[in-house]
Amino acid sequence: MFLGVLWFLGRENDADPVCRYFLSYVSGKTLSRTSKMKLGRTKKGIATIELAICLPIIVSITLAVIETSAVFNLKKSATLAAYEGARVGIRKGGTNDQVQSKVEDFLDARNINYGSSMLTVSNPGFDSAATMEHVSVTVTLPCTGNTVTSLIFNGQSVSAAVTMRKEYTNL
């Protein structure tokens, strides 16, 4: 603190209004009206520069958080869609077409865009799996069109897989 006071005292004759304000505070003197006006303009200019520097950074961070949250939500939706499809497929008489229909209905209910090749069923599928045989359902969703801005995750996709055992063999 003392070194700061010495530095400001050395700049006593400078035209810097911030220095003048500090010196008047330390010495107990009052500032003239013109000095106070210069100080107000300087503070406004500094605030404008700070805003110009910080605002784009804050907006970028906010958009990145929103985009990342949307991708997490998309991943959770892909997992739930795969789970719902697998639950339909493992039942007695469950087929790959029923799984496809259930997954599409689930994604449509959540307004999620998907392509024609978004569902993959492992081999053997639900049509030909034996009792207690593992069958996997994988749902792949594009990030483009499913996020707010599609700036960060453009062209990428999210996938989720669920593996369950077939309860009964289809007759």
Protein backbone atom coordinates (compact mmCIF):
# COMPACT_ATOMS: atom_id res chain seq x y z
CA MET A 1 0.00 0.00 0.00
CA PHE A 2 2.78 2.40 0.93
CA LEU A 3 4.62 1.75 -2.35
CA GLY A 4 1.41 2.47 -4.24
CA VAL A 5 1.09 5.82 -2.49
CA LEU A 6 4.69 6.68 -3.37
CA TRP A 7 4.07 5.75 -7.00
CA PHE A 8 0.99 7.97 -7.15
CA LEU A 9 2.82 10.82 -5.43
CA GLY A 10 5.48 10.67 -8.13
CA ARG A 11 2.75 11.16 -10.74
CA GLU A 12 1.22 14.19 -9.04
CA ASN A 13 1.59 16.48 -12.05
CA ASP A 14 0.26 13.94 -14.57
CA ALA A 15 -3.09 14.51 -16.22
CA ASP A 16 -4.44 11.11 -15.16
CA PRO A 17 -7.76 11.71 -13.37
CA VAL A 18 -7.59 8.43 -11.47
CA CYS A 19 -4.25 9.48 -9.96
CA ARG A 20 -5.70 12.84 -9.02
CA TYR A 21 -8.67 11.20 -7.33
CA PHE A 22 -6.41 8.87 -5.36
CA LEU A 23 -4.13 11.72 -4.32
CA SER A 24 -7.09 13.82 -3.22
CA TYR A 25 -8.39 10.88 -1.17
CA VAL A 26 -5.03 10.31 0.51
CA SER A 27 -4.28 13.99 1.14
CA GLY A 28 -7.81 14.97 2.13
CA LYS A 29 -8.06 17.65 -0.58
CA THR A 30 -11.16 18.02 -2.70
CA LEU A 31 -11.12 17.68 -6.45
CA SER A 32 -12.14 20.46 -8.78
CA ARG A 33 -15.30 20.05 -10.85
CA THR A 34 -13.35 19.48 -14.10
CA SER A 35 -11.26 16.77 -12.47
CA LYS A 36 -14.38 14.98 -11.31
CA MET A 37 -15.85 15.17 -14.81
CA LYS A 38 -12.68 13.74 -16.33
CA LEU A 39 -12.71 10.96 -13.76
CA GLY A 40 -16.33 10.05 -14.65
CA ARG A 41 -15.54 9.93 -18.37
CA THR A 42 -12.51 7.74 -17.75
CA LYS A 43 -14.52 5.29 -15.66
CA LYS A 44 -17.19 5.08 -18.36
CA GLY A 45 -14.54 4.46 -20.99
CA ILE A 46 -12.94 1.72 -18.92
CA ALA A 47 -16.32 0.07 -18.36
CA THR A 48 -17.02 0.15 -22.10
CA ILE A 49 -13.68 -1.46 -22.89
CA GLU A 50 -14.21 -4.12 -20.21
CA LEU A 51 -17.66 -4.85 -21.64
CA ALA A 52 -16.25 -5.09 -25.17
CA ILE A 53 -13.64 -7.59 -24.01
CA CYS A 54 -15.70 -9.66 -21.56
CA LEU A 55 -19.11 -9.84 -23.26
CA PRO A 56 -18.06 -12.04 -26.21
CA ILE A 57 -16.26 -14.38 -23.83
CA ILE A 58 -19.28 -14.67 -21.54
CA VAL A 59 -21.66 -15.22 -24.47
CA SER A 60 -19.34 -17.89 -25.93
CA ILE A 61 -19.12 -19.74 -22.63
CA THR A 62 -22.90 -19.57 -22.20
CA LEU A 63 -23.54 -20.98 -25.69
CA ALA A 64 -20.98 -23.73 -25.11
CA VAL A 65 -22.72 -24.75 -21.88
CA ILE A 66 -26.12 -24.78 -23.61
CA GLU A 67 -24.74 -26.86 -26.52
CA THR A 68 -23.07 -29.34 -24.19
CA SER A 69 -26.26 -29.70 -22.15
CA ALA A 70 -28.24 -30.37 -25.32
CA VAL A 71 -25.77 -33.10 -26.33
CA PHE A 72 -26.02 -34.69 -22.87
CA ASN A 73 -29.81 -34.65 -23.22
CA LEU A 74 -29.49 -36.21 -26.69
CA LYS A 75 -27.26 -38.96 -25.29
CA LYS A 76 -29.78 -39.69 -22.53
CA SER A 77 -32.59 -39.81 -25.10
CA ALA A 78 -30.60 -42.25 -27.25
CA THR A 79 -30.04 -44.49 -24.23
CA LEU A 80 -33.72 -44.42 -23.27
CA ALA A 81 -34.81 -45.09 -26.88
CA ALA A 82 -32.49 -48.10 -27.07
CA TYR A 83 -33.81 -49.36 -23.74
CA GLU A 84 -37.46 -48.97 -24.77
CA GLY A 85 -36.79 -50.72 -28.06
CA ALA A 86 -34.97 -53.59 -26.35
CA ARG A 87 -37.83 -54.04 -23.86
CA VAL A 88 -40.24 -54.51 -26.79
CA GLY A 89 -37.89 -56.93 -28.53
CA ILE A 90 -37.17 -59.29 -25.63
CA ARG A 91 -40.82 -60.17 -25.06
CA LYS A 92 -42.42 -63.25 -26.54
CA GLY A 93 -43.08 -62.56 -30.22
CA GLY A 94 -40.83 -59.45 -30.25
CA THR A 95 -39.30 -58.64 -33.64
CA ASN A 96 -36.77 -56.21 -35.05
CA ASP A 97 -39.56 -54.30 -36.81
CA GLN A 98 -41.38 -53.78 -33.51
CA VAL A 99 -38.13 -52.52 -32.00
CA GLN A 100 -37.67 -50.10 -34.93
CA SER A 101 -41.23 -48.83 -34.54
CA LYS A 102 -40.91 -48.34 -30.76
CA VAL A 103 -37.61 -46.45 -31.08
CA GLU A 104 -39.03 -44.17 -33.80
CA ASP A 105 -42.16 -43.48 -31.72
CA PHE A 106 -40.00 -42.65 -28.70
CA LEU A 107 -37.79 -40.26 -30.67
CA ASP A 108 -40.77 -38.65 -32.40
CA ALA A 109 -42.40 -38.00 -29.01
CA ARG A 110 -39.26 -36.07 -27.98
CA ASN A 111 -38.99 -34.19 -31.32
CA ILE A 112 -35.56 -35.65 -32.06
CA ASN A 113 -34.31 -35.76 -35.65
CA TYR A 114 -32.88 -39.09 -36.76
CA GLY A 115 -31.71 -40.67 -39.97
CA SER A 116 -32.80 -43.86 -41.68
CA SER A 117 -29.86 -45.82 -40.26
CA MET A 118 -30.20 -44.77 -36.63
CA LEU A 119 -30.99 -48.26 -35.28
CA THR A 120 -28.68 -51.27 -35.25
CA VAL A 121 -29.70 -54.64 -33.81
CA SER A 122 -26.96 -57.19 -33.12
CA ASN A 123 -26.78 -60.56 -34.82
CA PRO A 124 -28.81 -62.62 -33.97
CA GLY A 125 -31.64 -60.11 -33.82
CA PHE A 126 -34.84 -60.39 -31.86
CA ASP A 127 -36.44 -62.35 -34.74
CA SER A 128 -34.07 -65.33 -34.44
CA ALA A 129 -32.60 -65.12 -30.92
CA ALA A 130 -32.94 -68.15 -28.66
CA THR A 131 -34.23 -67.96 -25.10
CA MET A 132 -31.78 -66.17 -22.77
CA GLU A 133 -29.56 -65.09 -25.66
CA HIS A 134 -28.09 -61.58 -25.51
CA VAL A 135 -29.28 -59.09 -28.11
CA SER A 136 -27.96 -55.52 -28.36
CA VAL A 137 -29.80 -52.45 -29.63
CA THR A 138 -27.71 -49.44 -30.67
CA VAL A 139 -29.27 -46.05 -31.42
CA THR A 140 -27.15 -43.43 -33.22
CA LEU A 141 -28.43 -39.85 -33.44
CA PRO A 142 -26.89 -36.89 -35.28
CA CYS A 143 -26.06 -33.79 -33.25
CA THR A 144 -26.82 -31.55 -36.22
CA GLY A 145 -30.43 -30.46 -35.97
CA ASN A 146 -30.81 -31.72 -32.40
CA THR A 147 -28.85 -29.00 -30.62
CA VAL A 148 -29.57 -25.31 -30.20
CA THR A 149 -26.98 -23.83 -32.56
CA SER A 150 -25.09 -26.84 -34.01
CA LEU A 151 -21.87 -24.82 -33.87
CA ILE A 152 -19.71 -26.98 -31.63
CA PHE A 153 -20.95 -30.50 -32.37
CA ASN A 154 -21.82 -30.02 -36.05
CA GLY A 155 -21.40 -33.23 -38.05
CA GLN A 156 -20.92 -35.43 -34.98
CA SER A 157 -23.25 -38.09 -33.66
CA VAL A 158 -24.20 -39.62 -30.33
CA SER A 159 -24.83 -43.31 -29.86
CA ALA A 160 -26.03 -45.52 -27.03
CA ALA A 161 -26.29 -49.28 -26.77
CA VAL A 162 -28.39 -51.53 -24.55
CA THR A 163 -27.97 -55.30 -24.25
CA MET A 164 -30.73 -57.54 -22.91
CA ARG A 165 -31.56 -61.23 -22.94
CA LYS A 166 -34.39 -62.57 -25.06
CA GLU A 167 -37.04 -63.93 -22.67
CA TYR A 168 -38.72 -66.37 -25.02
CA THR A 169 -37.89 -67.87 -28.41
CA ASN A 170 -40.21 -66.68 -31.15
CA LEU A 171 -42.28 -69.53 -32.56
